[in-house]
Protein backbone atom coordinates (compact mmCIF):
# COMPACT_ATOMS: atom_id res chain seq x y z
CA UNK A 1 -96.49 137.12 168.31
CA UNK A 2 -96.34 133.79 166.49
CA UNK A 3 -94.14 133.42 163.44
CA UNK A 4 -96.08 134.28 160.30
CA UNK A 5 -96.55 131.46 157.77
CA UNK A 6 -95.45 133.96 155.12
CA UNK A 7 -91.70 134.34 155.53
CA UNK A 8 -89.38 136.82 153.91
CA UNK A 9 -87.68 135.27 150.88
CA UNK A 10 -85.16 138.05 150.30
CA UNK A 11 -82.49 139.59 152.57
CA UNK A 12 -84.25 142.95 152.85
CA UNK A 13 -87.37 144.71 151.59
CA UNK A 14 -87.07 145.94 148.01
CA UNK A 15 -88.25 149.57 147.82
CA UNK A 16 -88.11 151.70 144.70
CA UNK A 17 -89.77 154.79 143.32
CA UNK A 18 -90.16 155.83 139.68
CA UNK A 19 -91.31 159.37 138.89
CA UNK A 20 -92.68 161.14 135.81
CA UNK A 21 -92.65 158.23 133.39
CA UNK A 22 -94.57 157.73 130.16
CA UNK A 23 -97.62 155.51 129.94
CA UNK A 24 -95.77 152.46 128.59
CA UNK A 25 -92.92 152.85 131.06
CA UNK A 26 -95.45 153.03 133.90
CA UNK A 27 -97.14 149.84 132.74
CA UNK A 28 -93.79 148.03 132.67
CA UNK A 29 -92.38 149.40 135.90
CA UNK A 30 -94.24 147.28 138.44
CA UNK A 31 -92.45 144.05 139.35
CA UNK A 32 -93.92 140.72 138.26
CA UNK A 33 -96.88 142.06 136.29
CA UNK A 34 -97.74 141.88 132.59
CA UNK A 35 -99.66 145.04 131.66
CA UNK A 36 -100.77 147.14 128.71
CA UNK A 37 -102.00 150.69 129.39
CA UNK A 38 -104.06 152.49 126.74
CA UNK A 39 -104.40 156.25 127.22
CA UNK A 40 -107.92 157.51 126.47
CA UNK A 41 -107.88 161.21 127.43
CA UNK A 42 -105.76 163.84 125.62
CA UNK A 43 -102.48 165.30 126.77
CA UNK A 44 -98.87 164.57 127.62
CA UNK A 45 -98.90 161.68 130.09
CA UNK A 46 -97.02 161.55 133.39
CA UNK A 47 -97.08 158.78 135.94
CA UNK A 48 -95.32 157.59 139.06
CA UNK A 49 -94.94 154.35 140.99
CA UNK A 50 -93.65 153.59 144.47
CA UNK A 51 -93.32 149.90 145.22
CA UNK A 52 -92.35 147.81 148.24
CA UNK A 53 -91.65 144.08 147.83
CA UNK A 54 -91.86 142.39 151.20
CA UNK A 55 -91.42 138.64 150.92
CA UNK A 56 -94.41 137.31 149.00
CA UNK A 57 -96.33 140.55 149.50
CA UNK A 58 -96.18 143.51 147.11
CA UNK A 59 -97.44 146.96 148.08
CA UNK A 60 -97.50 149.94 145.75
CA UNK A 61 -99.00 153.32 145.01
CA UNK A 62 -99.43 154.38 141.39
CA UNK A 63 -100.46 157.73 139.97
CA UNK A 64 -101.48 158.61 136.42
CA UNK A 65 -102.20 162.00 134.92
CA UNK A 66 -104.64 160.84 132.23
CA UNK A 67 -107.51 158.38 131.86
CA UNK A 68 -106.45 154.82 131.10
CA UNK A 69 -107.83 151.45 130.13
CA UNK A 70 -105.43 149.04 131.81
CA UNK A 71 -105.18 145.36 130.92
CA UNK A 72 -103.42 143.75 133.89
CA UNK A 73 -102.13 140.34 134.87
CA UNK A 74 -100.20 139.64 138.05
CA UNK A 75 -98.22 136.53 138.90
CA UNK A 76 -99.85 133.08 139.13
CA UNK A 77 -101.60 132.13 142.35
CA UNK A 78 -101.85 135.70 143.62
CA UNK A 79 -104.71 137.98 144.58
CA UNK A 80 -104.62 141.72 143.92
CA UNK A 81 -106.43 144.28 146.05
CA UNK A 82 -106.85 147.91 144.99
CA UNK A 83 -108.06 151.08 146.71
CA UNK A 84 -108.39 154.52 145.08
CA UNK A 85 -106.39 157.14 146.97
CA UNK A 86 -109.31 159.55 146.58
CA UNK A 87 -112.95 158.99 145.76
CA UNK A 88 -113.33 159.41 142.00
CA UNK A 89 -116.04 158.63 139.47
CA UNK A 90 -115.27 156.38 136.52
CA UNK A 91 -113.14 153.76 138.31
CA UNK A 92 -114.05 150.25 137.14
CA UNK A 93 -112.59 146.78 137.49
CA UNK A 94 -113.85 144.44 134.74
CA UNK A 95 -116.78 146.81 134.32
CA UNK A 96 -117.77 146.91 138.00
CA UNK A 97 -117.77 150.40 139.48
CA UNK A 98 -115.45 151.02 142.45
CA UNK A 99 -117.25 153.37 144.84
CA UNK A 100 -115.80 155.19 147.84
CA UNK A 101 -116.69 152.35 150.23
CA UNK A 102 -115.31 149.57 148.05
CA UNK A 103 -112.18 147.46 147.80
CA UNK A 104 -111.38 146.21 144.27
CA UNK A 105 -109.84 142.76 143.85
CA UNK A 106 -108.91 140.06 141.36
CA UNK A 107 -107.94 136.48 142.11
CA UNK A 108 -107.07 133.92 139.46
CA UNK A 109 -104.89 133.15 136.48
CA UNK A 110 -106.44 135.43 133.87
CA UNK A 111 -106.04 139.13 133.24
CA UNK A 112 -108.42 141.86 134.33
CA UNK A 113 -109.22 145.34 133.11
CA UNK A 114 -109.06 148.57 135.06
CA UNK A 115 -110.63 151.78 133.80
CA UNK A 116 -109.29 154.86 135.59
CA UNK A 117 -109.97 158.62 135.19
CA UNK A 118 -107.66 161.64 134.90
CA UNK A 119 -105.42 162.58 137.85
CA UNK A 120 -105.84 159.25 139.57
CA UNK A 121 -103.99 157.51 142.36
CA UNK A 122 -104.36 153.82 143.22
CA UNK A 123 -103.06 151.76 146.14
CA UNK A 124 -102.34 148.11 145.42
CA UNK A 125 -101.50 145.05 147.47
CA UNK A 126 -100.69 141.65 145.95
CA UNK A 127 -100.25 138.47 147.98
CA UNK A 128 -100.07 134.75 147.24
CA UNK A 129 -103.64 133.54 147.76
CA UNK A 130 -102.74 130.39 149.66
CA UNK A 131 -100.45 132.32 151.99
CA UNK A 132 -103.25 134.80 152.67
CA UNK A 133 -105.59 131.94 153.56
CA UNK A 134 -102.98 130.45 155.89
CA UNK A 135 -102.51 133.75 157.64
CA UNK A 136 -106.28 134.30 157.96
CA UNK A 137 -106.69 130.80 159.46
CA UNK A 138 -103.96 131.55 161.98
CA UNK A 139 -105.89 134.66 162.97
CA UNK A 140 -109.12 132.59 163.20
CA UNK A 141 -110.65 134.47 160.27
CA UNK A 142 -112.51 132.73 157.46
CA UNK A 143 -112.03 133.78 153.83
CA UNK A 144 -114.82 132.08 151.83
CA UNK A 145 -114.00 131.16 148.22
CA UNK A 146 -116.78 133.37 146.89
CA UNK A 147 -115.41 136.37 148.80
CA UNK A 148 -112.12 136.38 146.86
CA UNK A 149 -114.03 135.69 143.61
CA UNK A 150 -115.71 139.10 143.79
CA UNK A 151 -114.55 142.10 141.78
CA UNK A 152 -115.50 144.60 144.49
CA UNK A 153 -116.22 144.32 148.21
CA UNK A 154 -118.06 146.84 150.31
CA UNK A 155 -116.07 147.80 153.41
CA UNK A 156 -117.11 150.18 156.23
CA UNK A 157 -115.68 153.63 155.58
CA UNK A 158 -113.70 153.80 158.82
CA UNK A 159 -111.88 150.51 158.19
CA UNK A 160 -111.11 151.40 154.58
CA UNK A 161 -109.86 154.87 155.56
CA UNK A 162 -107.55 153.38 158.21
CA UNK A 163 -106.08 150.91 155.72
CA UNK A 164 -105.64 153.61 153.07
CA UNK A 165 -103.92 155.91 155.58
CA UNK A 166 -101.58 153.13 156.74
CA UNK A 167 -100.53 152.21 153.18
CA UNK A 168 -100.01 155.81 152.10
CA UNK A 169 -97.82 156.51 155.13
CA UNK A 170 -95.82 153.32 154.61
CA UNK A 171 -95.15 153.92 150.92
CA UNK A 172 -94.14 157.57 151.27
CA UNK A 173 -91.35 156.75 153.74
CA UNK A 174 -87.77 156.77 152.46
CA UNK A 175 -86.06 153.59 151.35
CA UNK A 176 -83.34 154.00 153.97
CA UNK A 177 -85.88 153.18 156.66
CA UNK A 178 -86.54 149.77 155.10
CA UNK A 179 -82.86 149.06 154.51
CA UNK A 180 -82.17 149.55 158.20
CA UNK A 181 -84.82 147.09 159.38
CA UNK A 182 -83.64 144.01 161.25
CA UNK A 183 -84.97 140.58 160.26
CA UNK A 184 -87.39 140.76 163.17
CA UNK A 185 -88.52 144.24 162.12
CA UNK A 186 -89.10 143.06 158.57
CA UNK A 187 -91.20 140.17 159.81
CA UNK A 188 -93.24 142.47 162.04
CA UNK A 189 -93.90 144.79 159.10
CA UNK A 190 -95.03 141.84 156.99
CA UNK A 191 -97.34 140.67 159.78
CA UNK A 192 -98.74 144.19 160.11
CA UNK A 193 -99.58 144.35 156.39
CA UNK A 194 -101.30 140.97 156.38
CA UNK A 195 -103.13 141.60 159.64
CA UNK A 196 -104.51 144.90 158.31
CA UNK A 197 -105.64 143.23 155.06
CA UNK A 198 -107.32 140.30 156.83
CA UNK A 199 -109.14 142.69 159.15
CA UNK A 200 -110.36 144.62 156.13
CA UNK A 201 -111.59 141.43 154.42
CA UNK A 202 -113.30 140.30 157.63
CA UNK A 203 -115.55 143.36 157.34
CA UNK A 204 -115.97 143.02 153.57
CA UNK A 205 -119.39 142.39 152.06
CA UNK A 206 -120.25 141.41 148.50
CA UNK A 207 -120.70 144.31 146.13
CA UNK A 208 -123.94 145.02 144.23
CA UNK A 209 -125.37 141.97 142.47
CA UNK A 210 -125.44 142.07 138.69
CA UNK A 211 -128.70 141.44 136.92
CA UNK A 212 -128.85 139.23 133.83
CA UNK A 213 -128.46 142.13 131.39
CA UNK A 214 -125.43 143.47 133.27
CA UNK A 215 -123.81 140.03 133.28
CA UNK A 216 -124.40 139.74 129.53
CA UNK A 217 -122.96 143.22 128.91
CA UNK A 218 -119.83 142.42 130.93
CA UNK A 219 -119.31 139.15 129.03
CA UNK A 220 -119.74 141.05 125.77
CA UNK A 221 -117.09 143.55 126.85
CA UNK A 222 -114.66 140.75 127.78
CA UNK A 223 -115.22 139.04 124.42
CA UNK A 224 -114.68 142.34 122.61
CA UNK A 225 -111.43 142.93 124.50
CA UNK A 226 -110.20 139.40 123.72
CA UNK A 227 -111.05 139.76 120.03
CA UNK A 228 -109.27 143.10 119.75
CA UNK A 229 -106.15 141.78 121.47
CA UNK A 230 -106.12 138.78 119.13
CA UNK A 231 -106.23 141.03 116.04
CA UNK A 232 -103.75 143.80 116.74
CA UNK A 233 -102.26 143.22 113.30
CA UNK A 234 -105.08 145.06 111.56
CA UNK A 235 -107.82 147.63 112.01
CA UNK A 236 -110.98 146.16 113.51
CA UNK A 237 -114.15 148.11 112.72
CA UNK A 238 -117.26 148.54 114.85
CA UNK A 239 -119.24 146.65 112.20
CA UNK A 240 -116.83 143.70 112.36
CA UNK A 241 -116.97 143.70 116.14
CA UNK A 242 -120.78 143.62 116.10
CA UNK A 243 -120.73 140.67 113.70
CA UNK A 244 -118.19 138.72 115.73
CA UNK A 245 -120.02 139.28 119.01
CA UNK A 246 -123.53 138.87 117.65
CA UNK A 247 -124.44 142.27 119.08
CA UNK A 248 -126.36 145.15 117.57
CA UNK A 249 -124.62 148.53 117.24
CA UNK A 250 -126.97 149.92 119.90
CA UNK A 251 -126.19 147.09 122.35
CA UNK A 252 -122.46 147.48 121.79
CA UNK A 253 -122.76 151.24 122.26
CA UNK A 254 -124.60 150.81 125.56
CA UNK A 255 -122.09 148.20 126.76
CA UNK A 256 -119.03 150.34 126.06
CA UNK A 257 -120.57 153.53 127.42
CA UNK A 258 -121.52 151.84 130.69
CA UNK A 259 -118.39 149.79 131.33
CA UNK A 260 -115.58 151.76 129.64
CA UNK A 261 -117.05 155.25 129.49
CA UNK A 262 -116.37 155.56 125.74
CA UNK A 263 -118.25 154.78 122.55
CA UNK A 264 -117.01 151.72 120.60
CA UNK A 265 -115.73 153.97 117.81
CA UNK A 266 -113.79 156.22 120.20
CA UNK A 267 -112.39 153.21 122.07
CA UNK A 268 -111.26 151.45 118.89
CA UNK A 269 -109.58 154.61 117.62
CA UNK A 270 -107.81 155.20 120.95
CA UNK A 271 -106.71 151.56 121.04
CA UNK A 272 -105.15 151.77 117.57
CA UNK A 273 -103.45 155.07 118.33
CA UNK A 274 -101.93 153.53 121.46
CA UNK A 275 -100.75 150.50 119.47
CA UNK A 276 -99.19 152.81 116.87
CA UNK A 277 -97.45 154.73 119.65
CA UNK A 278 -95.96 151.56 121.12
CA UNK A 279 -94.76 150.53 117.64
CA UNK A 280 -93.18 153.93 117.04
CA UNK A 281 -91.29 153.63 120.32
CA UNK A 282 -90.06 150.06 119.86
CA UNK A 283 -86.31 149.82 119.29
CA UNK A 284 -86.71 146.45 117.56
CA UNK A 285 -89.56 147.46 115.24
CA UNK A 286 -89.20 146.54 111.57
CA UNK A 287 -91.15 149.70 110.67
CA UNK A 288 -88.79 152.64 110.34
CA UNK A 289 -91.05 155.56 109.39
CA UNK A 290 -94.31 157.13 110.52
CA UNK A 291 -96.30 156.34 107.37
CA UNK A 292 -95.52 152.61 107.57
CA UNK A 293 -96.65 152.51 111.19
CA UNK A 294 -99.81 154.47 110.41
CA UNK A 295 -100.83 152.13 107.60
CA UNK A 296 -99.96 149.08 109.72
CA UNK A 297 -102.55 150.15 112.27
CA UNK A 298 -105.27 151.21 109.86
CA UNK A 299 -104.64 154.93 109.39
CA UNK A 300 -104.49 155.92 105.72
CA UNK A 301 -104.85 159.72 106.01
CA UNK A 302 -101.42 160.85 107.22
CA UNK A 303 -102.26 164.41 108.23
CA UNK A 304 -105.36 163.26 110.12
CA UNK A 305 -103.32 160.52 111.83
CA UNK A 306 -100.74 163.10 112.93
CA UNK A 307 -103.46 165.44 114.21
CA UNK A 308 -105.28 162.71 116.14
CA UNK A 309 -102.01 161.40 117.54
CA UNK A 310 -100.91 164.83 118.73
CA UNK A 311 -104.34 165.50 120.26
CA UNK A 312 -104.22 162.28 122.31
CA UNK A 313 -100.56 162.13 123.30
CA UNK A 314 -99.41 165.75 123.23
CA UNK A 315 -96.68 165.13 120.65
CA UNK A 316 -96.37 164.29 116.95
CA UNK A 317 -95.72 160.69 115.88
CA UNK A 318 -92.40 161.84 114.41
CA UNK A 319 -91.35 163.04 117.89
CA UNK A 320 -92.12 159.63 119.37
CA UNK A 321 -90.12 157.97 116.60
CA UNK A 322 -87.08 160.16 117.27
CA UNK A 323 -87.00 158.94 120.88
CA UNK A 324 -86.21 155.36 119.81
CA UNK A 325 -83.05 154.12 121.46
CA UNK A 326 -82.78 157.12 123.78
């Protein structure tokens, strides 16, 4: 076998597993990413991550107990590929549904949004885009620019199942196995990962084409997300969002229902509750009591805030506050 153009840049593979972590800890646990996870279904959250860093390739499996809206950004110049562990409804990447025969992906500098359901497991692989192209060229496989620009690719079931099985088996092995690998063994493992991915992409076909109305709805959702993230210092209302986006309440309702699975009102409320939760848990927050945090994020009725908070997160805001510094 020829030497891969993607060489190991560290003395040994970096394998680690994190179990039963909270939603914010899960978002922060994956190496090299900037992420914000907003929980949208009620209950006490648990998550887990197993990650393998292999040179310029990152492989991981992530599980989450409750539905999430994930805003994700990986490192510059990289492409992310994602595969649900099991076929589940309600999985979306930037609004595009991820069906059983699909591979999700994102290539570029900006962030992307994942919507995932309860009790969900996701396999991920991240690789430097240029290195992937070099490897594909070495294998005499062409990766057209528009292929990596897609949000989902259709892949024959057998090929996708083989790749899923290989990744699951790899990531459930013990770390001692990776520590014991020789340099040659590490390089062979890296080649195996890239070869399997390139073969998968070789069989990939573009996902369903969006019509004009779907394209407009997705752009509206992206603009809404950007506006909300730019105004986390106050409570944004549905009316304000409609005015800013030039959208009718009905159009906004249809957009959010289709691409996020929630009404705008429910989404905005969940977003603010998640922001309040992160503030309550911040060791460096200037807000030292529950009422100050509630008002900061637009909740004026304290008992209703506590009830809504407990319903969504499975604990009172005062319990979250007491965990600061622990």
